[in-house]
Amino acid sequence: TVEDCEAVLICLSTRRFVVARPGEPRDLWPVDGGWEKLRDLKPGDEVIYKGNVTTVRAVDVYR
C-alpha cells in the first residue's frame, strides 16, 4: 500500500523528477498539505517545488 512506501517518485510539468521520502528534507510540498497529502498526489494536482507552484504529470510509488 501507499502507506508503507519507501518513496514517492513525482514527475513535474517543469520536466523535473522528484523523489520524496518520509522523514527526509525535500523541496516539494502539496499546495494543501504535508506527507499524507504527498502520498495521495495524482496527475493534475498542484505542488510547490522550490518555492514555485507547478503541476504533477505522473506519480509512482517505490516500496
C-alpha atoms as a PDB file:
ATOM      1  CA  THR A   1       0.000   0.000   0.000  1.00  0.00           C
ATOM      2  CA  VAL A   2       0.999   3.614  -0.341  1.00  0.00           C
ATOM      3  CA  GLU A   3       1.048   3.973   3.461  1.00  0.00           C
ATOM      4  CA  ASP A   4       4.131   1.759   3.801  1.00  0.00           C
ATOM      5  CA  CYS A   5       6.045   3.035   0.777  1.00  0.00           C
ATOM      6  CA  GLU A   6       9.735   3.935   0.940  1.00  0.00           C
ATOM      7  CA  ALA A   7       9.454   6.836  -1.508  1.00  0.00           C
ATOM      8  CA  VAL A   8       7.168   8.620  -3.943  1.00  0.00           C
ATOM      9  CA  LEU A   9       8.568   9.466  -7.393  1.00  0.00           C
ATOM     10  CA  ILE A  10       6.926  12.516  -8.943  1.00  0.00           C
ATOM     11  CA  CYS A  11       7.251  13.884 -12.473  1.00  0.00           C
ATOM     12  CA  LEU A  12       6.515  17.608 -12.749  1.00  0.00           C
ATOM     13  CA  SER A  13       5.374  19.745 -15.661  1.00  0.00           C
ATOM     14  CA  THR A  14       8.700  21.596 -15.373  1.00  0.00           C
ATOM     15  CA  ARG A  15      10.473  18.449 -16.668  1.00  0.00           C
ATOM     16  CA  ARG A  16      11.800  17.576 -13.227  1.00  0.00           C
ATOM     17  CA  PHE A  17      11.631  14.291 -11.351  1.00  0.00           C
ATOM     18  CA  VAL A  18      11.472  14.447  -7.567  1.00  0.00           C
ATOM     19  CA  VAL A  19      11.989  11.572  -5.123  1.00  0.00           C
ATOM     20  CA  ALA A  20      10.263  12.251  -1.803  1.00  0.00           C
ATOM     21  CA  ARG A  21      10.923  10.025   1.207  1.00  0.00           C
ATOM     22  CA  PRO A  22       9.175  10.239   4.575  1.00  0.00           C
ATOM     23  CA  GLY A  23      11.315  11.821   7.260  1.00  0.00           C
ATOM     24  CA  GLU A  24      13.792  13.418   4.835  1.00  0.00           C
ATOM     25  CA  PRO A  25      14.018  17.099   3.883  1.00  0.00           C
ATOM     26  CA  ARG A  26      12.624  17.917   0.447  1.00  0.00           C
ATOM     27  CA  ASP A  27      11.820  20.840  -1.806  1.00  0.00           C
ATOM     28  CA  LEU A  28       8.370  19.609  -2.855  1.00  0.00           C
ATOM     29  CA  TRP A  29       5.102  20.055  -0.956  1.00  0.00           C
ATOM     30  CA  PRO A  30       1.459  19.644  -1.958  1.00  0.00           C
ATOM     31  CA  VAL A  31      -0.275  23.013  -2.121  1.00  0.00           C
ATOM     32  CA  ASP A  32      -2.747  21.877   0.567  1.00  0.00           C
ATOM     33  CA  GLY A  33      -0.886  19.515   2.916  1.00  0.00           C
ATOM     34  CA  GLY A  34       2.107  17.528   4.172  1.00  0.00           C
ATOM     35  CA  TRP A  35       3.463  13.991   3.687  1.00  0.00           C
ATOM     36  CA  GLU A  36      -0.003  12.420   3.987  1.00  0.00           C
ATOM     37  CA  LYS A  37      -1.178  14.506   1.028  1.00  0.00           C
ATOM     38  CA  LEU A  38       2.051  13.840  -0.875  1.00  0.00           C
ATOM     39  CA  ARG A  39       1.260  10.120  -0.951  1.00  0.00           C
ATOM     40  CA  ASP A  40      -2.169  10.891  -2.448  1.00  0.00           C
ATOM     41  CA  LEU A  41      -0.934  13.050  -5.348  1.00  0.00           C
ATOM     42  CA  LYS A  42      -2.253  12.336  -8.814  1.00  0.00           C
ATOM     43  CA  PRO A  43      -1.618  13.842 -12.247  1.00  0.00           C
ATOM     44  CA  GLY A  44      -3.060  17.338 -12.481  1.00  0.00           C
ATOM     45  CA  ASP A  45      -2.542  18.214  -8.801  1.00  0.00           C
ATOM     46  CA  GLU A  46      -0.569  21.331  -7.962  1.00  0.00           C
ATOM     47  CA  VAL A  47       2.551  21.248  -5.790  1.00  0.00           C
ATOM     48  CA  ILE A  48       5.108  23.748  -4.584  1.00  0.00           C
ATOM     49  CA  TYR A  49       8.602  22.862  -5.806  1.00  0.00           C
ATOM     50  CA  LYS A  50      11.467  25.085  -4.655  1.00  0.00           C
ATOM     51  CA  GLY A  51       9.045  27.935  -3.997  1.00  0.00           C
ATOM     52  CA  ASN A  52       7.164  27.739  -7.315  1.00  0.00           C
ATOM     53  CA  VAL A  53       3.752  26.223  -7.982  1.00  0.00           C
ATOM     54  CA  THR A  54       3.852  23.515 -10.665  1.00  0.00           C
ATOM     55  CA  THR A  55       1.652  20.660 -11.877  1.00  0.00           C
ATOM     56  CA  VAL A  56       2.163  16.934 -11.311  1.00  0.00           C
ATOM     57  CA  ARG A  57       2.373  14.936 -14.558  1.00  0.00           C
ATOM     58  CA  ALA A  58       2.937  11.418 -13.153  1.00  0.00           C
ATOM     59  CA  VAL A  59       3.354   9.682  -9.794  1.00  0.00           C
ATOM     60  CA  ASP A  60       4.824   6.293  -8.881  1.00  0.00           C
ATOM     61  CA  VAL A  61       5.344   4.638  -5.515  1.00  0.00           C
ATOM     62  CA  TYR A  62       8.581   2.871  -4.585  1.00  0.00           C
ATOM     63  CA  ARG A  63       8.084   0.179  -1.963  1.00  0.00           C
END
